[in-house]
Amino acid sequence: MTLRLDDAETSALRRRADLEERSMQEIARAAIREYIEHHSRADLIDGVLDRELPRFAEALDRLGR
C-alpha cells in the first residue's frame, strides 16, 4: 500500500513523529488502528441501538413525558 499525503500533511506528520521520537510510519499505523477501533465500536453500538430501541420505544416515550 502506498499512502500519498500532501505537503502540509507530510510536514505535520513529520513534526509529530519527531516530537514523539517515533517513525512517521509508526504514527500513521497507530492513527489507523485508533480510527478502526473507534469506528468499530461506534458501528457495534449503532447496531445494538437499532435492534433494541424499538423494543423500548414505548417506555422511553413515557419516560420522556
N, C-alpha and C. Protein backbone atom coordinates (compact mmCIF):
# COMPACT_ATOMS: atom_id res chain seq x y z
N MET A 1 0.84 -1.17 0.00
CA MET A 1 0.00 0.00 0.00
C MET A 1 0.89 1.24 0.00
N THR A 2 0.47 2.22 -0.73
CA THR A 2 1.17 3.50 -0.76
C THR A 2 0.22 4.57 -0.24
N LEU A 3 0.70 5.34 0.70
CA LEU A 3 -0.10 6.43 1.26
C LEU A 3 0.46 7.74 0.73
N ARG A 4 -0.37 8.47 0.02
CA ARG A 4 0.07 9.74 -0.54
C ARG A 4 -0.51 10.87 0.30
N LEU A 5 0.37 11.69 0.84
CA LEU A 5 -0.03 12.83 1.65
C LEU A 5 0.36 14.11 0.93
N ASP A 6 -0.40 15.18 1.16
CA ASP A 6 0.03 16.45 0.59
C ASP A 6 1.16 17.01 1.46
N ASP A 7 1.74 18.12 1.02
CA ASP A 7 2.91 18.66 1.72
C ASP A 7 2.60 19.04 3.17
N ALA A 8 1.43 19.61 3.41
CA ALA A 8 1.06 20.01 4.77
C ALA A 8 0.89 18.79 5.67
N GLU A 9 0.25 17.74 5.15
CA GLU A 9 0.07 16.52 5.93
C GLU A 9 1.40 15.86 6.24
N THR A 10 2.28 15.83 5.24
CA THR A 10 3.60 15.24 5.45
C THR A 10 4.39 16.01 6.50
N SER A 11 4.33 17.32 6.42
CA SER A 11 5.04 18.16 7.37
C SER A 11 4.50 17.96 8.79
N ALA A 12 3.17 17.93 8.93
CA ALA A 12 2.57 17.73 10.25
C ALA A 12 2.92 16.37 10.81
N LEU A 13 2.89 15.35 9.96
CA LEU A 13 3.24 14.00 10.40
C LEU A 13 4.70 13.93 10.81
N ARG A 14 5.56 14.57 10.05
CA ARG A 14 6.98 14.57 10.37
C ARG A 14 7.24 15.26 11.73
N ARG A 15 6.58 16.40 11.94
CA ARG A 15 6.73 17.12 13.22
C ARG A 15 6.27 16.26 14.39
N ARG A 16 5.12 15.60 14.20
CA ARG A 16 4.58 14.74 15.27
C ARG A 16 5.54 13.59 15.55
N ALA A 17 6.05 12.97 14.51
CA ALA A 17 6.98 11.85 14.67
C ALA A 17 8.24 12.30 15.39
N ASP A 18 8.75 13.47 15.00
CA ASP A 18 9.94 13.99 15.67
C ASP A 18 9.67 14.26 17.15
N LEU A 19 8.51 14.84 17.44
CA LEU A 19 8.15 15.17 18.81
C LEU A 19 8.06 13.91 19.67
N GLU A 20 7.51 12.85 19.10
CA GLU A 20 7.33 11.60 19.84
C GLU A 20 8.53 10.65 19.72
N GLU A 21 9.52 11.07 18.93
CA GLU A 21 10.71 10.24 18.68
C GLU A 21 10.30 8.86 18.17
N ARG A 22 9.39 8.87 17.20
CA ARG A 22 8.92 7.66 16.54
C ARG A 22 8.97 7.90 15.05
N SER A 23 8.84 6.83 14.29
CA SER A 23 8.85 6.99 12.83
C SER A 23 7.48 7.49 12.36
N MET A 24 7.49 8.10 11.18
CA MET A 24 6.24 8.54 10.58
C MET A 24 5.32 7.33 10.35
N GLN A 25 5.89 6.22 9.97
CA GLN A 25 5.11 5.02 9.75
C GLN A 25 4.44 4.56 11.03
N GLU A 26 5.16 4.58 12.14
CA GLU A 26 4.57 4.18 13.42
C GLU A 26 3.38 5.07 13.78
N ILE A 27 3.53 6.37 13.57
CA ILE A 27 2.46 7.32 13.89
C ILE A 27 1.24 7.05 12.99
N ALA A 28 1.46 6.85 11.71
CA ALA A 28 0.37 6.61 10.77
C ALA A 28 -0.34 5.29 11.09
N ARG A 29 0.41 4.26 11.39
CA ARG A 29 -0.20 2.97 11.71
C ARG A 29 -1.02 3.06 12.99
N ALA A 30 -0.52 3.76 13.99
CA ALA A 30 -1.27 3.94 15.24
C ALA A 30 -2.57 4.71 14.98
N ALA A 31 -2.49 5.72 14.14
CA ALA A 31 -3.69 6.51 13.81
C ALA A 31 -4.73 5.64 13.10
N ILE A 32 -4.28 4.78 12.22
CA ILE A 32 -5.20 3.89 11.50
C ILE A 32 -5.85 2.91 12.47
N ARG A 33 -5.05 2.34 13.38
CA ARG A 33 -5.61 1.42 14.39
C ARG A 33 -6.66 2.12 15.24
N GLU A 34 -6.35 3.33 15.70
CA GLU A 34 -7.30 4.09 16.53
C GLU A 34 -8.59 4.37 15.76
N TYR A 35 -8.47 4.74 14.50
CA TYR A 35 -9.63 5.02 13.66
C TYR A 35 -10.52 3.78 13.54
N ILE A 36 -9.90 2.65 13.25
CA ILE A 36 -10.65 1.41 13.08
C ILE A 36 -11.32 1.00 14.39
N GLU A 37 -10.60 1.09 15.51
CA GLU A 37 -11.18 0.73 16.81
C GLU A 37 -12.35 1.64 17.14
N HIS A 38 -12.20 2.94 16.93
CA HIS A 38 -13.25 3.90 17.24
C HIS A 38 -14.50 3.62 16.41
N HIS A 39 -14.31 3.44 15.12
CA HIS A 39 -15.45 3.24 14.24
C HIS A 39 -16.06 1.86 14.40
N SER A 40 -15.28 0.87 14.76
CA SER A 40 -15.82 -0.47 15.02
C SER A 40 -16.73 -0.43 16.23
N ARG A 41 -16.29 0.27 17.29
CA ARG A 41 -17.12 0.41 18.49
C ARG A 41 -18.41 1.16 18.18
N ALA A 42 -18.28 2.25 17.43
CA ALA A 42 -19.45 3.05 17.08
C ALA A 42 -20.44 2.21 16.25
N ASP A 43 -19.93 1.42 15.31
CA ASP A 43 -20.79 0.57 14.49
C ASP A 43 -21.51 -0.47 15.36
N LEU A 44 -20.81 -1.05 16.32
CA LEU A 44 -21.40 -2.04 17.21
C LEU A 44 -22.51 -1.40 18.05
N ILE A 45 -22.23 -0.24 18.61
CA ILE A 45 -23.23 0.47 19.41
C ILE A 45 -24.45 0.83 18.57
N ASP A 46 -24.21 1.33 17.36
CA ASP A 46 -25.32 1.67 16.47
C ASP A 46 -26.19 0.45 16.16
N GLY A 47 -25.55 -0.68 15.94
CA GLY A 47 -26.29 -1.90 15.65
C GLY A 47 -27.16 -2.34 16.83
N VAL A 48 -26.59 -2.27 18.02
CA VAL A 48 -27.36 -2.64 19.21
C VAL A 48 -28.53 -1.68 19.39
N LEU A 49 -28.28 -0.40 19.23
CA LEU A 49 -29.37 0.57 19.38
C LEU A 49 -30.46 0.37 18.33
N ASP A 50 -30.07 0.09 17.11
CA ASP A 50 -31.07 -0.15 16.05
C ASP A 50 -31.95 -1.35 16.38
N ARG A 51 -31.36 -2.37 16.99
CA ARG A 51 -32.12 -3.57 17.33
C ARG A 51 -32.96 -3.40 18.60
N GLU A 52 -32.40 -2.74 19.60
CA GLU A 52 -33.03 -2.71 20.91
C GLU A 52 -33.95 -1.52 21.16
N LEU A 53 -33.69 -0.37 20.58
CA LEU A 53 -34.54 0.79 20.85
C LEU A 53 -36.01 0.57 20.51
N PRO A 54 -36.31 -0.07 19.39
CA PRO A 54 -37.74 -0.29 19.11
C PRO A 54 -38.46 -1.08 20.21
N ARG A 55 -37.76 -2.00 20.85
CA ARG A 55 -38.36 -2.79 21.94
C ARG A 55 -38.78 -1.91 23.10
N PHE A 56 -38.03 -0.83 23.32
CA PHE A 56 -38.27 0.01 24.48
C PHE A 56 -38.83 1.37 24.11
N ALA A 57 -39.30 1.52 22.88
CA ALA A 57 -39.78 2.81 22.39
C ALA A 57 -40.91 3.37 23.26
N GLU A 58 -41.86 2.53 23.60
CA GLU A 58 -43.00 3.00 24.40
C GLU A 58 -42.54 3.43 25.78
N ALA A 59 -41.69 2.64 26.41
CA ALA A 59 -41.20 3.00 27.75
C ALA A 59 -40.38 4.28 27.69
N LEU A 60 -39.55 4.43 26.68
CA LEU A 60 -38.74 5.65 26.55
C LEU A 60 -39.63 6.86 26.30
N ASP A 61 -40.68 6.66 25.53
CA ASP A 61 -41.62 7.75 25.27
C ASP A 61 -42.29 8.18 26.57
N ARG A 62 -42.72 7.23 27.37
CA ARG A 62 -43.35 7.55 28.67
C ARG A 62 -42.38 8.27 29.59
N LEU A 63 -41.15 7.81 29.63
CA LEU A 63 -40.14 8.47 30.48
C LEU A 63 -39.85 9.89 30.04
N GLY A 64 -40.00 10.13 28.73
CA GLY A 64 -39.73 11.46 28.20
C GLY A 64 -40.82 12.47 28.51
N ARG A 65 -41.95 12.01 29.00
CA ARG A 65 -43.07 12.92 29.31
C ARG A 65 -42.98 13.52 30.68
